[in-house]
N, C-alpha and C. Protein backbone atom coordinates (compact mmCIF):
# COMPACT_ATOMS: atom_id res chain seq x y z
N MET A 1 190.42 74.48 99.33
CA MET A 1 190.95 73.80 100.88
C MET A 1 189.74 74.64 102.31
N ASN A 2 189.52 72.94 102.81
CA ASN A 2 188.68 73.26 103.73
C ASN A 2 188.82 73.45 105.45
N ASN A 3 188.22 73.25 105.57
CA ASN A 3 188.75 73.90 107.35
C ASN A 3 189.33 73.12 107.96
N ILE A 4 189.22 71.84 107.72
CA ILE A 4 190.25 70.63 108.86
C ILE A 4 191.21 71.18 107.87
N GLU A 5 191.79 71.38 106.86
CA GLU A 5 192.86 71.75 105.98
C GLU A 5 194.02 72.63 106.66
N TYR A 6 193.18 73.67 106.42
CA TYR A 6 193.55 75.09 106.90
C TYR A 6 194.12 74.79 108.61
N LEU A 7 193.65 74.29 109.56
CA LEU A 7 193.78 74.35 110.95
C LEU A 7 194.60 73.24 110.33
N GLU A 8 194.98 72.41 110.24
CA GLU A 8 196.39 71.83 110.47
C GLU A 8 198.12 72.22 109.51
N LYS A 9 197.51 73.17 108.67
CA LYS A 9 197.98 73.95 107.67
C LYS A 9 199.06 75.28 108.72
N LEU A 10 198.39 75.90 109.99
CA LEU A 10 198.25 76.81 110.89
C LEU A 10 198.31 75.89 111.68
N GLU A 11 198.57 75.16 112.22
CA GLU A 11 198.69 74.39 113.86
C GLU A 11 200.50 74.27 113.37
N ARG A 12 200.91 73.37 111.79
CA ARG A 12 202.03 73.28 111.30
C ARG A 12 203.42 74.66 111.56
N VAL A 13 201.91 75.79 111.00
CA VAL A 13 203.20 77.03 111.39
C VAL A 13 203.87 77.14 112.66
N ILE A 14 202.26 77.67 113.17
CA ILE A 14 202.67 77.66 114.47
C ILE A 14 203.46 76.53 115.50
N GLN A 15 204.13 75.45 115.22
CA GLN A 15 204.81 75.03 115.75
C GLN A 15 206.12 74.73 114.63
N GLU A 16 206.29 75.33 114.05
CA GLU A 16 207.62 75.31 113.23
C GLU A 16 208.50 77.20 114.22
N LYS A 17 207.37 78.18 114.14
CA LYS A 17 207.65 79.52 114.95
C LYS A 17 208.07 78.97 116.45
N TYR A 18 206.63 78.30 116.87
CA TYR A 18 207.34 78.66 118.60
C TYR A 18 207.46 77.27 119.22
N GLY A 19 207.56 76.31 118.57
CA GLY A 19 207.42 75.15 119.19
C GLY A 19 206.68 73.79 119.24
N SER A 20 206.91 72.74 119.52
CA SER A 20 205.90 71.78 119.78
C SER A 20 204.64 71.74 121.32
N SER A 21 205.22 73.09 121.75
CA SER A 21 205.02 72.54 123.01
C SER A 21 203.37 73.58 123.00
N VAL A 22 203.36 74.28 122.63
CA VAL A 22 202.96 75.56 122.20
C VAL A 22 201.36 74.70 121.61
N THR A 23 201.79 74.01 121.00
CA THR A 23 199.98 72.77 120.10
C THR A 23 199.63 71.43 121.45
N THR A 24 199.83 72.23 121.92
CA THR A 24 200.07 70.94 122.95
C THR A 24 198.87 70.48 124.39
N HIS A 25 197.78 69.98 124.32
CA HIS A 25 197.17 70.52 125.19
C HIS A 25 197.39 70.24 126.23
N PRO A 26 197.31 70.69 127.40
CA PRO A 26 197.47 70.36 128.62
C PRO A 26 197.40 69.59 129.54
N LYS A 27 196.57 69.10 129.05
CA LYS A 27 195.91 68.04 129.83
C LYS A 27 196.85 67.22 129.68
N SER A 28 197.14 66.57 128.57
CA SER A 28 198.42 65.47 128.16
C SER A 28 199.77 65.49 129.15
N LEU A 29 199.94 66.46 129.83
CA LEU A 29 200.64 66.72 130.44
C LEU A 29 200.79 66.39 132.12
N TRP A 30 199.23 66.61 132.47
CA TRP A 30 198.88 65.55 134.03
C TRP A 30 199.00 64.18 133.85
N ASP A 31 198.91 64.38 135.14
CA ASP A 31 199.38 62.93 135.34
C ASP A 31 199.01 62.84 136.93
N GLU A 32 198.22 61.85 137.46
CA GLU A 32 197.93 61.28 138.61
C GLU A 32 199.21 61.72 140.29
N GLU A 33 200.23 61.80 139.55
CA GLU A 33 200.47 62.72 140.50
C GLU A 33 200.82 63.84 140.92
N LYS A 34 200.89 64.23 139.63
CA LYS A 34 200.72 66.48 139.67
C LYS A 34 199.39 66.60 140.15
N GLU A 35 198.33 65.39 140.07
CA GLU A 35 197.15 65.37 141.36
C GLU A 35 197.10 65.52 142.30
N LYS A 36 197.80 64.01 142.86
CA LYS A 36 197.76 63.95 144.15
C LYS A 36 198.32 65.40 144.89
N GLU A 37 199.42 66.15 143.83
CA GLU A 37 199.88 67.25 144.77
C GLU A 37 199.12 68.12 144.53
N TYR A 38 198.68 68.52 143.84
CA TYR A 38 197.08 69.74 143.68
C TYR A 38 196.98 69.54 144.50
N ILE A 39 195.63 68.55 144.62
CA ILE A 39 194.92 68.30 145.56
C ILE A 39 195.60 68.19 147.21
N LYS A 40 197.25 68.33 147.32
CA LYS A 40 197.23 68.53 148.75
C LYS A 40 197.74 69.77 148.47
N GLN A 41 198.24 70.56 148.06
CA GLN A 41 198.33 72.17 147.75
C GLN A 41 196.83 72.96 148.36
N GLN A 42 195.89 72.01 147.88
CA GLN A 42 194.43 73.15 147.48
C GLN A 42 194.63 72.65 149.72
N LYS A 43 194.74 71.53 149.41
CA LYS A 43 194.59 71.44 151.33
C LYS A 43 194.95 72.24 152.47
N GLU A 44 196.14 72.74 152.15
CA GLU A 44 196.92 73.23 152.78
C GLU A 44 196.71 75.15 152.59
N ILE A 45 195.96 75.21 151.39
CA ILE A 45 195.77 76.51 151.82
C ILE A 45 194.62 77.04 152.37
N TYR A 46 193.28 76.05 152.28
CA TYR A 46 192.49 76.21 153.38
C TYR A 46 192.97 75.52 154.24
N GLN A 47 193.71 75.24 154.62
CA GLN A 47 193.87 75.17 155.91
C GLN A 47 194.01 76.39 156.55
N LYS A 48 195.05 76.83 155.85
CA LYS A 48 195.62 78.28 156.28
C LYS A 48 194.93 79.25 156.48
N ASN A 49 193.44 79.42 155.34
CA ASN A 49 192.56 80.17 155.28
C ASN A 49 191.79 79.85 156.48
N LEU A 50 191.40 78.66 157.08
CA LEU A 50 190.87 78.32 158.24
C LEU A 50 190.75 79.38 159.77
N ASN A 51 192.31 78.36 160.02
CA ASN A 51 193.27 79.10 160.93
C ASN A 51 193.29 80.72 161.33
N ARG A 52 193.41 80.95 159.56
CA ARG A 52 194.04 82.72 160.21
C ARG A 52 192.64 83.23 160.14
N ALA A 53 191.39 82.88 159.71
CA ALA A 53 189.49 83.25 160.36
C ALA A 53 189.26 82.67 161.74
N SER A 54 189.88 82.13 162.38
CA SER A 54 189.59 81.43 163.42
C SER A 54 190.53 82.73 164.83
N THR A 55 191.72 83.20 163.87
CA THR A 55 192.21 83.72 164.89
C THR A 55 192.32 85.27 164.54
N LYS A 56 191.75 85.57 164.20
CA LYS A 56 190.93 86.85 163.71
C LYS A 56 190.63 87.84 165.16
N GLU A 57 191.29 89.46 165.03
CA GLU A 57 191.14 89.86 166.51
C GLU A 57 189.40 90.22 166.54
N GLN A 58 189.01 90.11 167.78
CA GLN A 58 188.16 89.49 167.94
C GLN A 58 187.16 91.01 169.32
N LEU A 59 186.14 91.49 168.81
CA LEU A 59 185.92 92.43 170.09
C LEU A 59 184.58 92.45 170.07
N GLU A 60 184.40 92.50 171.10
CA GLU A 60 183.32 92.44 172.18
C GLU A 60 182.30 93.39 171.84
N GLU A 61 181.09 93.42 171.91
CA GLU A 61 180.30 94.98 171.33
C GLU A 61 179.05 93.66 172.56
N ASN A 62 178.91 94.72 173.28
CA ASN A 62 176.91 94.36 173.79
C ASN A 62 176.75 93.28 174.12
N GLY A 63 177.82 92.45 174.30
CA GLY A 63 178.12 90.06 174.73
C GLY A 63 177.70 89.80 173.05
N VAL A 64 177.83 90.46 172.11
CA VAL A 64 178.43 90.15 170.69
C VAL A 64 179.83 90.63 170.25
N SER A 65 180.20 89.14 169.68
CA SER A 65 182.09 89.13 169.66
C SER A 65 181.47 89.43 167.74
N ILE A 66 182.62 90.39 167.48
CA ILE A 66 182.68 90.73 166.13
C ILE A 66 184.04 91.01 165.58
N THR A 67 184.50 90.64 164.89
CA THR A 67 185.63 90.65 164.48
C THR A 67 185.99 92.05 163.83
N LYS A 68 187.36 92.82 164.07
CA LYS A 68 187.74 93.50 164.75
C LYS A 68 187.64 95.11 162.92
N LYS A 69 187.78 93.78 161.93
CA LYS A 69 187.34 94.74 160.66
C LYS A 69 186.51 95.40 160.16
N LEU A 70 185.82 94.81 161.06
CA LEU A 70 183.70 94.79 160.68
C LEU A 70 183.66 96.44 161.01
N PHE A 71 184.88 96.89 162.10
CA PHE A 71 184.23 98.13 162.54
C PHE A 71 184.71 99.61 161.90
N ILE A 72 184.48 100.06 161.25
CA ILE A 72 184.55 101.23 161.12
C ILE A 72 185.43 103.03 161.59
N PHE A 73 186.36 102.81 160.98
CA PHE A 73 187.39 104.21 162.13
C PHE A 73 187.29 105.66 161.17
N ASP A 74 186.87 106.81 162.31
CA ASP A 74 186.48 108.18 161.40
C ASP A 74 188.05 107.95 160.72
N LYS A 75 187.46 108.43 159.70
CA LYS A 75 188.97 108.97 158.82
C LYS A 75 189.28 110.55 159.33
N LYS A 76 190.26 111.29 159.49
CA LYS A 76 190.20 112.52 158.87
C LYS A 76 189.71 113.35 158.45
N LYS A 77 189.20 114.18 159.33
CA LYS A 77 188.21 115.53 158.07
C LYS A 77 188.41 116.49 158.81
N GLU A 78 189.56 117.26 159.77
CA GLU A 78 190.07 118.90 159.97
C GLU A 78 190.85 119.05 159.58
N CYS A 79 190.66 119.61 158.68
CA CYS A 79 192.52 120.66 157.91
C CYS A 79 193.29 120.82 159.63
N GLU A 80 195.00 120.67 159.39
CA GLU A 80 195.18 120.87 160.37
C GLU A 80 195.92 122.54 159.98
N VAL A 81 195.09 123.43 159.07
CA VAL A 81 195.64 125.07 158.83
C VAL A 81 195.01 125.26 158.92
N CYS A 82 193.95 125.42 158.49
CA CYS A 82 192.98 126.07 159.16
C CYS A 82 191.18 125.67 159.68
N GLU A 83 191.74 124.68 160.06
CA GLU A 83 190.57 123.59 161.22
C GLU A 83 189.53 124.00 160.88
N LYS A 84 188.99 123.74 159.64
CA LYS A 84 187.68 123.58 158.73
C LYS A 84 187.99 122.73 158.74
N TYR A 85 186.35 122.00 158.97
CA TYR A 85 185.94 120.03 158.61
C TYR A 85 185.02 120.23 157.38
N SER A 86 185.97 118.94 156.90
CA SER A 86 185.10 118.83 155.38
C SER A 86 184.43 117.67 155.44
N PHE A 87 183.14 117.41 154.77
CA PHE A 87 182.86 117.22 153.87
C PHE A 87 182.65 116.75 152.45
N ASP A 88 183.34 117.72 151.55
CA ASP A 88 184.36 117.21 150.35
C ASP A 88 185.22 116.22 150.22
N LYS A 89 184.62 115.26 148.81
CA LYS A 89 185.30 113.83 148.76
C LYS A 89 186.62 115.10 147.90
N CYS A 90 186.31 115.74 147.55
CA CYS A 90 187.80 116.38 146.84
C CYS A 90 188.67 116.61 148.10
N ASP A 91 188.53 116.87 149.47
CA ASP A 91 189.60 117.23 149.86
C ASP A 91 190.28 116.07 150.93
N ASP A 92 189.44 114.92 150.67
CA ASP A 92 190.10 113.50 151.26
C ASP A 92 191.03 113.22 151.28
N LEU A 93 191.43 113.12 149.98
CA LEU A 93 193.13 112.99 149.28
C LEU A 93 193.94 113.39 149.79
N TYR A 94 193.30 115.10 150.36
CA TYR A 94 194.82 115.82 150.62
C TYR A 94 194.62 115.89 151.81
N LEU A 95 193.22 115.32 152.81
CA LEU A 95 193.92 115.50 154.24
C LEU A 95 194.12 113.84 154.51
N ASN A 96 194.25 112.55 153.56
CA ASN A 96 194.18 111.71 153.95
C ASN A 96 196.01 111.76 153.90
N LYS A 97 196.75 112.38 152.56
CA LYS A 97 197.38 112.31 152.87
C LYS A 97 198.91 114.09 153.52
N TYR A 98 198.15 113.87 153.74
CA TYR A 98 198.85 115.53 153.80
C TYR A 98 198.14 116.36 155.51
N GLY A 99 196.99 115.54 155.25
CA GLY A 99 196.37 116.49 156.57
C GLY A 99 195.73 118.09 156.44
N ILE A 100 195.58 118.35 155.29
CA ILE A 100 195.53 119.19 155.04
C ILE A 100 193.91 119.74 154.09
N CYS A 101 193.37 120.54 154.12
CA CYS A 101 192.40 120.45 152.89
C CYS A 101 192.79 120.64 151.38
N LYS A 102 191.87 121.33 150.39
CA LYS A 102 192.52 121.22 149.18
C LYS A 102 192.55 122.61 148.80
N ASN A 103 192.49 123.59 149.66
CA ASN A 103 193.14 124.58 149.68
C ASN A 103 193.79 125.48 150.23
N CYS A 104 194.19 124.51 150.77
CA CYS A 104 195.51 124.88 151.83
C CYS A 104 196.42 124.05 150.91
N TYR A 105 195.92 123.40 150.41
CA TYR A 105 197.67 122.54 149.77
C TYR A 105 197.63 123.51 148.37
N ILE A 106 196.21 124.19 148.17
CA ILE A 106 197.17 124.57 146.07
C ILE A 106 197.96 126.13 147.31
N LYS A 107 197.05 126.61 148.26
CA LYS A 107 198.47 127.99 148.77
C LYS A 107 199.76 127.23 149.65
N TYR A 108 199.77 126.29 149.99
CA TYR A 108 200.96 126.14 150.94
C TYR A 108 201.74 124.85 150.58
N ILE A 109 201.26 123.70 149.68
CA ILE A 109 201.67 122.72 149.68
C ILE A 109 202.26 122.59 147.67
N GLU A 110 201.66 123.06 146.73
CA GLU A 110 201.68 122.87 145.59
C GLU A 110 202.95 123.56 144.66
N ASP A 111 203.57 122.29 144.02
CA ASP A 111 204.89 122.99 144.02
C ASP A 111 205.84 123.47 145.33
N ARG A 112 205.66 123.14 146.58
CA ARG A 112 206.26 123.24 147.14
C ARG A 112 206.38 121.98 149.01
N GLU A 113 205.81 120.62 147.74
CA GLU A 113 206.38 119.31 148.84
C GLU A 113 207.70 119.07 149.78
N GLU A 114 208.37 119.82 149.17
CA GLU A 114 209.95 118.68 149.86
C GLU A 114 209.70 119.69 151.32
N ARG A 115 209.62 121.25 150.94
CA ARG A 115 209.69 121.70 152.72
C ARG A 115 208.58 121.29 152.73
N TRP A 116 207.22 120.91 152.78
CA TRP A 116 205.91 120.55 153.76
C TRP A 116 206.69 119.50 154.17
N ASN A 117 207.33 118.24 153.41
CA ASN A 117 207.66 117.04 153.94
C ASN A 117 208.87 116.58 154.40
N SER A 118 209.82 118.29 154.64
CA SER A 118 210.82 118.49 156.02
C SER A 118 210.40 119.28 156.72
N GLY A 119 208.60 118.96 157.24
CA GLY A 119 208.55 119.50 158.75
C GLY A 119 208.15 121.18 158.66
N TRP A 120 208.06 121.94 157.28
CA TRP A 120 207.50 123.21 157.49
C TRP A 120 206.20 123.34 157.84
N ARG A 121 205.48 124.00 158.87
CA ARG A 121 204.06 124.18 158.54
C ARG A 121 203.68 125.72 158.77
N PRO A 122 202.71 126.17 158.55
CA PRO A 122 202.67 128.21 158.47
C PRO A 122 201.66 128.41 159.87
N ASN A 123 202.81 129.63 159.52
CA ASN A 123 202.26 129.81 160.87
C ASN A 123 200.47 130.25 161.16
N LYS A 124 199.45 129.92 162.73
CA LYS A 124 198.34 129.58 162.43
C LYS A 124 198.19 131.09 162.91
């Protein structure tokens, strides 16, 4: 059996199992009307993106207009409990979620998240 016969047999088996739409070339289902609709949708998407880009919030900085997204605002780096300022990347997760460093998380929150989320805080 050569390759062409094998492929034809394989195609027939696939058609029997999954239907003829599986082996149909997608281009055969595309017509002029679908092409026009697709182009229309692409133009609408382009126009929306263009409008969105022109209405972005702008900040004036030293006579230069810059979009607000380009400014990086400092994240919280100080623990609420021990007031330690942290440069440690491990602490970033806990500072962003709970406002405290990793050591304070282990000491006060670990296995007691419900208490922390309900508003309890340790005495300073």
